[in-house]
Amino acid sequence: MPGLGGAEFARRYRERVARPAPLVLLTAANDAAAAAEAIGAERFVRKPFEVVDLVRTLREVVRA
């Protein structure tokens, strides 16, 4: 993300929003679970991804 990384976005978002929505990390990190935990994301989807996998993950987060 040019100019603002995901971790910084997550930090600022949580600081500024009273009731933040759950975050889903899209990542190519080798340890995706650790990357998601580091920013407080509820879930993650590894890049490259299929749209069906992203939609499935988002539905799971919304249901929780």
PDB file of N, CA and C in Angstrom:
ATOM      1  N   MET A   1       0.855  -1.165   0.000  1.00  0.00           N
ATOM      2  CA  MET A   1       0.000   0.000   0.000  1.00  0.00           C
ATOM      3  C   MET A   1       0.908   1.238   0.000  1.00  0.00           C
ATOM      4  N   PRO A   2       0.917   1.986  -1.061  1.00  0.00           N
ATOM      5  CA  PRO A   2       1.799   3.150  -1.138  1.00  0.00           C
ATOM      6  C   PRO A   2       1.503   4.181  -0.042  1.00  0.00           C
ATOM      7  N   GLY A   3       2.544   4.581   0.670  1.00  0.00           N
ATOM      8  CA  GLY A   3       2.414   5.650   1.649  1.00  0.00           C
ATOM      9  C   GLY A   3       1.929   5.246   3.024  1.00  0.00           C
ATOM     10  N   LEU A   4       1.242   4.123   3.139  1.00  0.00           N
ATOM     11  CA  LEU A   4       0.712   3.700   4.434  1.00  0.00           C
ATOM     12  C   LEU A   4       0.597   2.179   4.432  1.00  0.00           C
ATOM     13  N   GLY A   5       1.377   1.528   5.281  1.00  0.00           N
ATOM     14  CA  GLY A   5       1.339   0.072   5.364  1.00  0.00           C
ATOM     15  C   GLY A   5       0.122  -0.417   6.130  1.00  0.00           C
ATOM     16  N   GLY A   6      -0.140  -1.694   6.004  1.00  0.00           N
ATOM     17  CA  GLY A   6      -1.297  -2.288   6.662  1.00  0.00           C
ATOM     18  C   GLY A   6      -1.267  -2.156   8.172  1.00  0.00           C
ATOM     19  N   ALA A   7      -0.098  -2.352   8.773  1.00  0.00           N
ATOM     20  CA  ALA A   7       0.014  -2.257  10.232  1.00  0.00           C
ATOM     21  C   ALA A   7      -0.288  -0.841  10.708  1.00  0.00           C
ATOM     22  N   GLU A   8       0.235   0.136  10.000  1.00  0.00           N
ATOM     23  CA  GLU A   8      -0.017   1.533  10.382  1.00  0.00           C
ATOM     24  C   GLU A   8      -1.485   1.899  10.153  1.00  0.00           C
ATOM     25  N   PHE A   9      -2.048   1.426   9.057  1.00  0.00           N
ATOM     26  CA  PHE A   9      -3.472   1.661   8.812  1.00  0.00           C
ATOM     27  C   PHE A   9      -4.306   1.098   9.954  1.00  0.00           C
ATOM     28  N   ALA A  10      -4.025  -0.152  10.350  1.00  0.00           N
ATOM     29  CA  ALA A  10      -4.781  -0.797  11.425  1.00  0.00           C
ATOM     30  C   ALA A  10      -4.677   0.001  12.717  1.00  0.00           C
ATOM     31  N   ARG A  11      -3.481   0.459  13.054  1.00  0.00           N
ATOM     32  CA  ARG A  11      -3.278   1.235  14.271  1.00  0.00           C
ATOM     33  C   ARG A  11      -4.102   2.522  14.239  1.00  0.00           C
ATOM     34  N   ARG A  12      -3.985   3.269  13.141  1.00  0.00           N
ATOM     35  CA  ARG A  12      -4.712   4.542  13.034  1.00  0.00           C
ATOM     36  C   ARG A  12      -6.221   4.325  13.035  1.00  0.00           C
ATOM     37  N   TYR A  13      -6.651   3.306  12.331  1.00  0.00           N
ATOM     38  CA  TYR A  13      -8.078   2.999  12.249  1.00  0.00           C
ATOM     39  C   TYR A  13      -8.648   2.743  13.641  1.00  0.00           C
ATOM     40  N   ARG A  14      -7.982   1.913  14.405  1.00  0.00           N
ATOM     41  CA  ARG A  14      -8.468   1.584  15.749  1.00  0.00           C
ATOM     42  C   ARG A  14      -8.424   2.792  16.684  1.00  0.00           C
ATOM     43  N   GLU A  15      -7.463   3.674  16.475  1.00  0.00           N
ATOM     44  CA  GLU A  15      -7.384   4.889  17.302  1.00  0.00           C
ATOM     45  C   GLU A  15      -8.536   5.850  17.017  1.00  0.00           C
ATOM     46  N   ARG A  16      -8.985   5.884  15.779  1.00  0.00           N
ATOM     47  CA  ARG A  16      -9.926   6.918  15.358  1.00  0.00           C
ATOM     48  C   ARG A  16     -11.380   6.479  15.283  1.00  0.00           C
ATOM     49  N   VAL A  17     -11.634   5.196  15.314  1.00  0.00           N
ATOM     50  CA  VAL A  17     -13.000   4.697  15.157  1.00  0.00           C
ATOM     51  C   VAL A  17     -13.465   4.107  16.484  1.00  0.00           C
ATOM     52  N   ALA A  18     -14.590   4.598  16.971  1.00  0.00           N
ATOM     53  CA  ALA A  18     -15.088   4.154  18.276  1.00  0.00           C
ATOM     54  C   ALA A  18     -15.425   2.658  18.294  1.00  0.00           C
ATOM     55  N   ARG A  19     -16.068   2.183  17.247  1.00  0.00           N
ATOM     56  CA  ARG A  19     -16.429   0.768  17.157  1.00  0.00           C
ATOM     57  C   ARG A  19     -15.905   0.217  15.835  1.00  0.00           C
ATOM     58  N   PRO A  20     -14.616  -0.103  15.788  1.00  0.00           N
ATOM     59  CA  PRO A  20     -14.033  -0.548  14.519  1.00  0.00           C
ATOM     60  C   PRO A  20     -14.585  -1.891  14.055  1.00  0.00           C
ATOM     61  N   ALA A  21     -14.704  -2.018  12.756  1.00  0.00           N
ATOM     62  CA  ALA A  21     -15.104  -3.286  12.149  1.00  0.00           C
ATOM     63  C   ALA A  21     -13.933  -4.257  12.238  1.00  0.00           C
ATOM     64  N   PRO A  22     -14.207  -5.546  12.178  1.00  0.00           N
ATOM     65  CA  PRO A  22     -13.126  -6.527  12.177  1.00  0.00           C
ATOM     66  C   PRO A  22     -12.230  -6.331  10.958  1.00  0.00           C
ATOM     67  N   LEU A  23     -10.950  -6.589  11.137  1.00  0.00           N
ATOM     68  CA  LEU A  23      -9.999  -6.463  10.038  1.00  0.00           C
ATOM     69  C   LEU A  23      -9.654  -7.836   9.484  1.00  0.00           C
ATOM     70  N   VAL A  24      -9.567  -7.905   8.169  1.00  0.00           N
ATOM     71  CA  VAL A  24      -9.109  -9.107   7.479  1.00  0.00           C
ATOM     72  C   VAL A  24      -7.875  -8.705   6.695  1.00  0.00           C
ATOM     73  N   LEU A  25      -6.774  -9.353   6.986  1.00  0.00           N
ATOM     74  CA  LEU A  25      -5.494  -9.037   6.352  1.00  0.00           C
ATOM     75  C   LEU A  25      -5.333  -9.827   5.064  1.00  0.00           C
ATOM     76  N   LEU A  26      -4.987  -9.148   3.986  1.00  0.00           N
ATOM     77  CA  LEU A  26      -4.601  -9.793   2.740  1.00  0.00           C
ATOM     78  C   LEU A  26      -3.088  -9.713   2.690  1.00  0.00           C
ATOM     79  N   THR A  27      -2.406 -10.860   2.682  1.00  0.00           N
ATOM     80  CA  THR A  27      -0.965 -10.841   2.848  1.00  0.00           C
ATOM     81  C   THR A  27      -0.247 -11.910   2.044  1.00  0.00           C
ATOM     82  N   ALA A  28       0.995 -11.601   1.702  1.00  0.00           N
ATOM     83  CA  ALA A  28       1.887 -12.564   1.069  1.00  0.00           C
ATOM     84  C   ALA A  28       2.997 -12.968   2.044  1.00  0.00           C
ATOM     85  N   ALA A  29       2.851 -12.592   3.308  1.00  0.00           N
ATOM     86  CA  ALA A  29       3.861 -12.898   4.322  1.00  0.00           C
ATOM     87  C   ALA A  29       4.027 -14.406   4.481  1.00  0.00           C
ATOM     88  N   ASN A  30       5.247 -14.831   4.747  1.00  0.00           N
ATOM     89  CA  ASN A  30       5.506 -16.258   4.970  1.00  0.00           C
ATOM     90  C   ASN A  30       4.724 -16.778   6.170  1.00  0.00           C
ATOM     91  N   ASP A  31       4.658 -16.006   7.231  1.00  0.00           N
ATOM     92  CA  ASP A  31       3.896 -16.391   8.414  1.00  0.00           C
ATOM     93  C   ASP A  31       2.666 -15.488   8.506  1.00  0.00           C
ATOM     94  N   ALA A  32       1.666 -15.822   7.732  1.00  0.00           N
ATOM     95  CA  ALA A  32       0.460 -14.995   7.638  1.00  0.00           C
ATOM     96  C   ALA A  32      -0.251 -14.890   8.973  1.00  0.00           C
ATOM     97  N   ALA A  33      -0.289 -15.970   9.742  1.00  0.00           N
ATOM     98  CA  ALA A  33      -0.962 -15.945  11.036  1.00  0.00           C
ATOM     99  C   ALA A  33      -0.288 -14.950  11.974  1.00  0.00           C
ATOM    100  N   ALA A  34       1.032 -14.940  11.991  1.00  0.00           N
ATOM    101  CA  ALA A  34       1.764 -14.000  12.847  1.00  0.00           C
ATOM    102  C   ALA A  34       1.558 -12.570  12.380  1.00  0.00           C
ATOM    103  N   ALA A  35       1.527 -12.355  11.075  1.00  0.00           N
ATOM    104  CA  ALA A  35       1.307 -11.014  10.538  1.00  0.00           C
ATOM    105  C   ALA A  35      -0.074 -10.507  10.930  1.00  0.00           C
ATOM    106  N   ALA A  36      -1.080 -11.378  10.853  1.00  0.00           N
ATOM    107  CA  ALA A  36      -2.438 -10.989  11.238  1.00  0.00           C
ATOM    108  C   ALA A  36      -2.507 -10.687  12.728  1.00  0.00           C
ATOM    109  N   GLU A  37      -1.879 -11.511  13.530  1.00  0.00           N
ATOM    110  CA  GLU A  37      -1.878 -11.289  14.977  1.00  0.00           C
ATOM    111  C   GLU A  37      -1.185  -9.978  15.333  1.00  0.00           C
ATOM    112  N   ALA A  38      -0.105  -9.673  14.633  1.00  0.00           N
ATOM    113  CA  ALA A  38       0.666  -8.462  14.928  1.00  0.00           C
ATOM    114  C   ALA A  38      -0.153  -7.188  14.744  1.00  0.00           C
ATOM    115  N   ILE A  39      -1.086  -7.193  13.804  1.00  0.00           N
ATOM    116  CA  ILE A  39      -1.893  -5.986  13.592  1.00  0.00           C
ATOM    117  C   ILE A  39      -3.283  -6.097  14.203  1.00  0.00           C
ATOM    118  N   GLY A  40      -3.575  -7.233  14.817  1.00  0.00           N
ATOM    119  CA  GLY A  40      -4.873  -7.409  15.443  1.00  0.00           C
ATOM    120  C   GLY A  40      -5.985  -7.749  14.473  1.00  0.00           C
ATOM    121  N   ALA A  41      -5.620  -8.340  13.329  1.00  0.00           N
ATOM    122  CA  ALA A  41      -6.640  -8.736  12.361  1.00  0.00           C
ATOM    123  C   ALA A  41      -7.335 -10.005  12.849  1.00  0.00           C
ATOM    124  N   GLU A  42      -8.625 -10.088  12.616  1.00  0.00           N
ATOM    125  CA  GLU A  42      -9.388 -11.246  13.041  1.00  0.00           C
ATOM    126  C   GLU A  42      -9.081 -12.465  12.185  1.00  0.00           C
ATOM    127  N   ARG A  43      -8.831 -12.229  10.916  1.00  0.00           N
ATOM    128  CA  ARG A  43      -8.553 -13.322   9.969  1.00  0.00           C
ATOM    129  C   ARG A  43      -7.553 -12.831   8.947  1.00  0.00           C
ATOM    130  N   PHE A  44      -7.095 -13.748   8.102  1.00  0.00           N
ATOM    131  CA  PHE A  44      -6.206 -13.380   7.011  1.00  0.00           C
ATOM    132  C   PHE A  44      -6.504 -14.246   5.802  1.00  0.00           C
ATOM    133  N   VAL A  45      -6.140 -13.728   4.634  1.00  0.00           N
ATOM    134  CA  VAL A  45      -6.223 -14.447   3.365  1.00  0.00           C
ATOM    135  C   VAL A  45      -4.870 -14.281   2.709  1.00  0.00           C
ATOM    136  N   ARG A  46      -4.283 -15.408   2.296  1.00  0.00           N
ATOM    137  CA  ARG A  46      -2.964 -15.364   1.676  1.00  0.00           C
ATOM    138  C   ARG A  46      -3.064 -14.957   0.204  1.00  0.00           C
ATOM    139  N   LYS A  47      -2.123 -14.102  -0.210  1.00  0.00           N
ATOM    140  CA  LYS A  47      -2.008 -13.723  -1.621  1.00  0.00           C
ATOM    141  C   LYS A  47      -1.094 -14.730  -2.308  1.00  0.00           C
ATOM    142  N   PRO A  48      -1.306 -15.015  -3.551  1.00  0.00           N
ATOM    143  CA  PRO A  48      -2.491 -14.665  -4.342  1.00  0.00           C
ATOM    144  C   PRO A  48      -3.689 -15.461  -3.829  1.00  0.00           C
ATOM    145  N   PHE A  49      -4.863 -14.913  -4.020  1.00  0.00           N
ATOM    146  CA  PHE A  49      -6.064 -15.564  -3.508  1.00  0.00           C
ATOM    147  C   PHE A  49      -7.138 -15.608  -4.576  1.00  0.00           C
ATOM    148  N   GLU A  50      -8.054 -16.510  -4.385  1.00  0.00           N
ATOM    149  CA  GLU A  50      -9.234 -16.592  -5.237  1.00  0.00           C
ATOM    150  C   GLU A  50     -10.336 -15.768  -4.566  1.00  0.00           C
ATOM    151  N   VAL A  51     -11.133 -15.103  -5.359  1.00  0.00           N
ATOM    152  CA  VAL A  51     -12.211 -14.273  -4.821  1.00  0.00           C
ATOM    153  C   VAL A  51     -13.134 -15.106  -3.937  1.00  0.00           C
ATOM    154  N   VAL A  52     -13.389 -16.330  -4.313  1.00  0.00           N
ATOM    155  CA  VAL A  52     -14.266 -17.185  -3.517  1.00  0.00           C
ATOM    156  C   VAL A  52     -13.700 -17.383  -2.107  1.00  0.00           C
ATOM    157  N   ASP A  53     -12.384 -17.467  -1.965  1.00  0.00           N
ATOM    158  CA  ASP A  53     -11.770 -17.616  -0.646  1.00  0.00           C
ATOM    159  C   ASP A  53     -11.924 -16.339   0.180  1.00  0.00           C
ATOM    160  N   LEU A  54     -11.763 -15.191  -0.459  1.00  0.00           N
ATOM    161  CA  LEU A  54     -11.943 -13.922   0.230  1.00  0.00           C
ATOM    162  C   LEU A  54     -13.385 -13.771   0.691  1.00  0.00           C
ATOM    163  N   VAL A  55     -14.329 -14.060  -0.176  1.00  0.00           N
ATOM    164  CA  VAL A  55     -15.751 -13.933   0.164  1.00  0.00           C
ATOM    165  C   VAL A  55     -16.096 -14.888   1.309  1.00  0.00           C
ATOM    166  N   ARG A  56     -15.589 -16.112   1.266  1.00  0.00           N
ATOM    167  CA  ARG A  56     -15.855 -17.073   2.337  1.00  0.00           C
ATOM    168  C   ARG A  56     -15.334 -16.545   3.677  1.00  0.00           C
ATOM    169  N   THR A  57     -14.128 -16.009   3.681  1.00  0.00           N
ATOM    170  CA  THR A  57     -13.536 -15.469   4.902  1.00  0.00           C
ATOM    171  C   THR A  57     -14.343 -14.289   5.428  1.00  0.00           C
ATOM    172  N   LEU A  58     -14.749 -13.404   4.546  1.00  0.00           N
ATOM    173  CA  LEU A  58     -15.548 -12.243   4.968  1.00  0.00           C
ATOM    174  C   LEU A  58     -16.889 -12.676   5.552  1.00  0.00           C
ATOM    175  N   ARG A  59     -17.513 -13.663   4.944  1.00  0.00           N
ATOM    176  CA  ARG A  59     -18.786 -14.168   5.493  1.00  0.00           C
ATOM    177  C   ARG A  59     -18.584 -14.759   6.880  1.00  0.00           C
ATOM    178  N   GLU A  60     -17.501 -15.485   7.080  1.00  0.00           N
ATOM    179  CA  GLU A  60     -17.221 -16.057   8.393  1.00  0.00           C
ATOM    180  C   GLU A  60     -17.021 -14.981   9.439  1.00  0.00           C
ATOM    181  N   VAL A  61     -16.323 -13.913   9.070  1.00  0.00           N
ATOM    182  CA  VAL A  61     -16.077 -12.810  10.016  1.00  0.00           C
ATOM    183  C   VAL A  61     -17.388 -12.100  10.350  1.00  0.00           C
ATOM    184  N   VAL A  62     -18.216 -11.886   9.368  1.00  0.00           N
ATOM    185  CA  VAL A  62     -19.483 -11.190   9.600  1.00  0.00           C
ATOM    186  C   VAL A  62     -20.394 -12.029  10.505  1.00  0.00           C
ATOM    187  N   ARG A  63     -20.393 -13.329  10.336  1.00  0.00           N
ATOM    188  CA  ARG A  63     -21.236 -14.202  11.159  1.00  0.00           C
ATOM    189  C   ARG A  63     -20.783 -14.272  12.609  1.00  0.00           C
ATOM    190  N   ALA A  64     -19.487 -14.065  12.844  1.00  0.00           N
ATOM    191  CA  ALA A  64     -18.932 -14.191  14.216  1.00  0.00           C
ATOM    192  C   ALA A  64     -19.362 -13.062  15.115  1.00  0.00           C
TER     193      ALA A  64
END
